[in-house]
Each structure stands twice: as C-alpha cells, then as structure tokens.
Amino acid sequence: MKHKKPTRGNKSREIPYGVKLFGSISRARILALLISRAGQQLYQREIMYEIGFPLQPVQRELQNLLDLGIVKKVSTLHRVYYEINTSSPFFKPLREICGFTLEQKF
C-alpha cells in the first residue's frame, strides 16, 4: 500500500497558467499588460495601478524582464517608461502565450 504525500493548504486551489509558466503572478500580469499594449510606453506606477500590485514587486519584475531583454526602458527628463521589446526573440512566442493566458485569470 502506497502512502500519499501530505499536501499543504487547500488542495482544490488551482494554480493559474500564468503563474505556472512565468513563476509569479506579478511577472505574468506585467507581461500580459505590456504585450497587450505593445508599442506603448508605461511608467512604473501606471503598471502598478493597472495590475494591482505594490511598487516593490513591480520594480523587481521589471528589472528581471529588463535583464532578459524582454522589456525596454526609456528615460525622459522626468520619468522612466517601460515597454515590451518587440525586437526580442522572446516577443512573438510570449505574445502567443499571453494571447492564450489573457483569456484565463492570472
């Protein structure tokens, strides 16, 4: 007779696809937002308000995405803007994936 491994928390709670794929809800939401607005520049607080997360996780994930070359940073005199890097080799696959996962709730 095999013993089942104990589980934590509510077993019926399903992990959203975006979290499974991207590792965090905030990263998945940032990617979905920036991809849905490709060609548009958004500043940090705008991203923060749109996805409903505090500034610190938004800053952390934007830096991760910058390091990967998925996001571009554009500095002006008074603000720093972010946009999806459409010339990144990851852009087209991510756009297809986010097109699927946007239909799901992150």
C-alpha atoms as a PDB file:
ATOM      1  CA  MET A   1       0.000   0.000   0.000  1.00  0.00           C
ATOM      2  CA  LYS A   2       1.420   3.359  -1.061  1.00  0.00           C
ATOM      3  CA  HIS A   3       1.199   6.335   1.223  1.00  0.00           C
ATOM      4  CA  LYS A   4       0.134   9.662  -0.176  1.00  0.00           C
ATOM      5  CA  LYS A   5       2.469  12.568   0.326  1.00  0.00           C
ATOM      6  CA  PRO A   6       0.930  15.150   2.675  1.00  0.00           C
ATOM      7  CA  THR A   7      -0.198  18.345   0.990  1.00  0.00           C
ATOM      8  CA  ARG A   8      -0.288  21.871   2.311  1.00  0.00           C
ATOM      9  CA  GLY A   9      -3.249  24.186   2.344  1.00  0.00           C
ATOM     10  CA  ASN A  10      -6.327  23.898   0.201  1.00  0.00           C
ATOM     11  CA  LYS A  11      -5.768  21.113  -2.300  1.00  0.00           C
ATOM     12  CA  SER A  12      -8.620  22.281  -4.525  1.00  0.00           C
ATOM     13  CA  ARG A  13      -6.960  25.646  -5.201  1.00  0.00           C
ATOM     14  CA  GLU A  14      -5.656  25.515  -8.751  1.00  0.00           C
ATOM     15  CA  ILE A  15      -2.540  27.450  -9.761  1.00  0.00           C
ATOM     16  CA  PRO A  16      -3.219  29.768 -12.728  1.00  0.00           C
ATOM     17  CA  TYR A  17      -1.386  29.052 -16.005  1.00  0.00           C
ATOM     18  CA  GLY A  18       0.474  32.360 -15.907  1.00  0.00           C
ATOM     19  CA  VAL A  19       1.987  31.554 -12.518  1.00  0.00           C
ATOM     20  CA  LYS A  20       2.950  28.043 -13.564  1.00  0.00           C
ATOM     21  CA  LEU A  21       4.662  29.349 -16.677  1.00  0.00           C
ATOM     22  CA  PHE A  22       6.219  32.614 -15.512  1.00  0.00           C
ATOM     23  CA  GLY A  23       6.885  31.886 -11.836  1.00  0.00           C
ATOM     24  CA  SER A  24       4.944  34.766 -10.316  1.00  0.00           C
ATOM     25  CA  ILE A  25       1.599  36.434 -10.709  1.00  0.00           C
ATOM     26  CA  SER A  26       3.171  39.887 -10.875  1.00  0.00           C
ATOM     27  CA  ARG A  27       5.521  38.880 -13.724  1.00  0.00           C
ATOM     28  CA  ALA A  28       2.681  37.245 -15.630  1.00  0.00           C
ATOM     29  CA  ARG A  29       0.458  40.312 -15.248  1.00  0.00           C
ATOM     30  CA  ILE A  30       3.232  42.730 -16.237  1.00  0.00           C
ATOM     31  CA  LEU A  31       3.987  40.693 -19.356  1.00  0.00           C
ATOM     32  CA  ALA A  32       0.323  40.432 -20.276  1.00  0.00           C
ATOM     33  CA  LEU A  33      -0.141  44.190 -19.807  1.00  0.00           C
ATOM     34  CA  LEU A  34       2.942  45.214 -21.792  1.00  0.00           C
ATOM     35  CA  ILE A  35       2.236  42.736 -24.588  1.00  0.00           C
ATOM     36  CA  SER A  36      -1.385  43.857 -24.828  1.00  0.00           C
ATOM     37  CA  ARG A  37      -0.089  47.422 -25.203  1.00  0.00           C
ATOM     38  CA  ALA A  38       2.866  46.730 -27.491  1.00  0.00           C
ATOM     39  CA  GLY A  39       4.300  49.976 -28.834  1.00  0.00           C
ATOM     40  CA  GLN A  40       3.057  51.942 -25.830  1.00  0.00           C
ATOM     41  CA  GLN A  41       5.302  53.218 -23.040  1.00  0.00           C
ATOM     42  CA  LEU A  42       4.109  52.934 -19.435  1.00  0.00           C
ATOM     43  CA  TYR A  43       5.733  54.208 -16.266  1.00  0.00           C
ATOM     44  CA  GLN A  44       6.145  52.114 -13.093  1.00  0.00           C
ATOM     45  CA  ARG A  45       3.235  53.494 -11.127  1.00  0.00           C
ATOM     46  CA  GLU A  46       0.952  53.171 -14.131  1.00  0.00           C
ATOM     47  CA  ILE A  47       1.922  49.495 -14.383  1.00  0.00           C
ATOM     48  CA  MET A  48       1.457  49.140 -10.632  1.00  0.00           C
ATOM     49  CA  TYR A  49      -2.096  50.544 -10.762  1.00  0.00           C
ATOM     50  CA  GLU A  50      -3.042  48.543 -13.856  1.00  0.00           C
ATOM     51  CA  ILE A  51      -2.010  45.158 -12.442  1.00  0.00           C
ATOM     52  CA  GLY A  52      -2.956  45.887  -8.826  1.00  0.00           C
ATOM     53  CA  PHE A  53       0.394  45.107  -7.197  1.00  0.00           C
ATOM     54  CA  PRO A  54       2.618  47.167  -4.868  1.00  0.00           C
ATOM     55  CA  LEU A  55       5.561  49.065  -6.340  1.00  0.00           C
ATOM     56  CA  GLN A  56       8.334  46.809  -4.990  1.00  0.00           C
ATOM     57  CA  PRO A  57       7.266  43.594  -6.797  1.00  0.00           C
ATOM     58  CA  VAL A  58       6.642  45.631  -9.955  1.00  0.00           C
ATOM     59  CA  GLN A  59      10.154  47.107  -9.785  1.00  0.00           C
ATOM     60  CA  ARG A  60      11.703  43.683  -9.136  1.00  0.00           C
ATOM     61  CA  GLU A  61       9.913  42.010 -12.038  1.00  0.00           C
ATOM     62  CA  LEU A  62      10.579  44.888 -14.433  1.00  0.00           C
ATOM     63  CA  GLN A  63      14.286  44.572 -13.615  1.00  0.00           C
ATOM     64  CA  ASN A  64      14.139  40.805 -14.246  1.00  0.00           C
ATOM     65  CA  LEU A  65      12.445  41.403 -17.601  1.00  0.00           C
ATOM     66  CA  LEU A  66      14.974  44.132 -18.468  1.00  0.00           C
ATOM     67  CA  ASP A  67      17.847  41.752 -17.680  1.00  0.00           C
ATOM     68  CA  LEU A  68      16.328  39.214 -20.088  1.00  0.00           C
ATOM     69  CA  GLY A  69      15.893  41.832 -22.819  1.00  0.00           C
ATOM     70  CA  ILE A  70      12.125  41.304 -22.904  1.00  0.00           C
ATOM     71  CA  VAL A  71      11.373  44.845 -21.744  1.00  0.00           C
ATOM     72  CA  LYS A  72      12.964  48.151 -22.785  1.00  0.00           C
ATOM     73  CA  LYS A  73      13.494  51.127 -20.502  1.00  0.00           C
ATOM     74  CA  VAL A  74      13.118  54.640 -21.909  1.00  0.00           C
ATOM     75  CA  SER A  75      14.233  57.575 -19.759  1.00  0.00           C
ATOM     76  CA  THR A  76      12.945  61.096 -20.238  1.00  0.00           C
ATOM     77  CA  LEU A  77      13.650  64.217 -18.245  1.00  0.00           C
ATOM     78  CA  HIS A  78      11.107  63.437 -15.513  1.00  0.00           C
ATOM     79  CA  ARG A  79      10.037  59.811 -15.920  1.00  0.00           C
ATOM     80  CA  VAL A  80      11.253  56.340 -16.760  1.00  0.00           C
ATOM     81  CA  TYR A  81       8.993  54.396 -19.097  1.00  0.00           C
ATOM     82  CA  TYR A  82       8.859  50.695 -19.894  1.00  0.00           C
ATOM     83  CA  GLU A  83       7.635  48.917 -22.972  1.00  0.00           C
ATOM     84  CA  ILE A  84       7.771  45.427 -24.403  1.00  0.00           C
ATOM     85  CA  ASN A  85      10.824  44.878 -26.597  1.00  0.00           C
ATOM     86  CA  THR A  86       9.236  43.833 -29.887  1.00  0.00           C
ATOM     87  CA  SER A  87      12.665  43.036 -31.354  1.00  0.00           C
ATOM     88  CA  SER A  88      13.394  40.496 -28.610  1.00  0.00           C
ATOM     89  CA  PRO A  89      13.429  36.875 -29.814  1.00  0.00           C
ATOM     90  CA  PHE A  90      11.015  36.162 -26.946  1.00  0.00           C
ATOM     91  CA  PHE A  91       8.364  38.650 -28.082  1.00  0.00           C
ATOM     92  CA  LYS A  92       6.459  36.549 -30.636  1.00  0.00           C
ATOM     93  CA  PRO A  93       6.310  33.374 -28.505  1.00  0.00           C
ATOM     94  CA  LEU A  94       5.310  35.405 -25.443  1.00  0.00           C
ATOM     95  CA  ARG A  95       2.627  37.227 -27.429  1.00  0.00           C
ATOM     96  CA  GLU A  96       1.168  33.881 -28.481  1.00  0.00           C
ATOM     97  CA  ILE A  97       1.332  32.525 -24.938  1.00  0.00           C
ATOM     98  CA  CYS A  98      -0.169  35.671 -23.425  1.00  0.00           C
ATOM     99  CA  GLY A  99      -2.904  35.617 -26.041  1.00  0.00           C
ATOM    100  CA  PHE A 100      -3.882  32.261 -24.616  1.00  0.00           C
ATOM    101  CA  THR A 101      -3.387  33.116 -20.953  1.00  0.00           C
ATOM    102  CA  LEU A 102      -5.136  36.500 -21.181  1.00  0.00           C
ATOM    103  CA  GLU A 103      -8.345  34.521 -21.546  1.00  0.00           C
ATOM    104  CA  GLN A 104      -7.558  32.857 -18.220  1.00  0.00           C
ATOM    105  CA  LYS A 105      -7.397  34.684 -14.919  1.00  0.00           C
ATOM    106  CA  PHE A 106      -3.843  35.166 -13.609  1.00  0.00           C
END
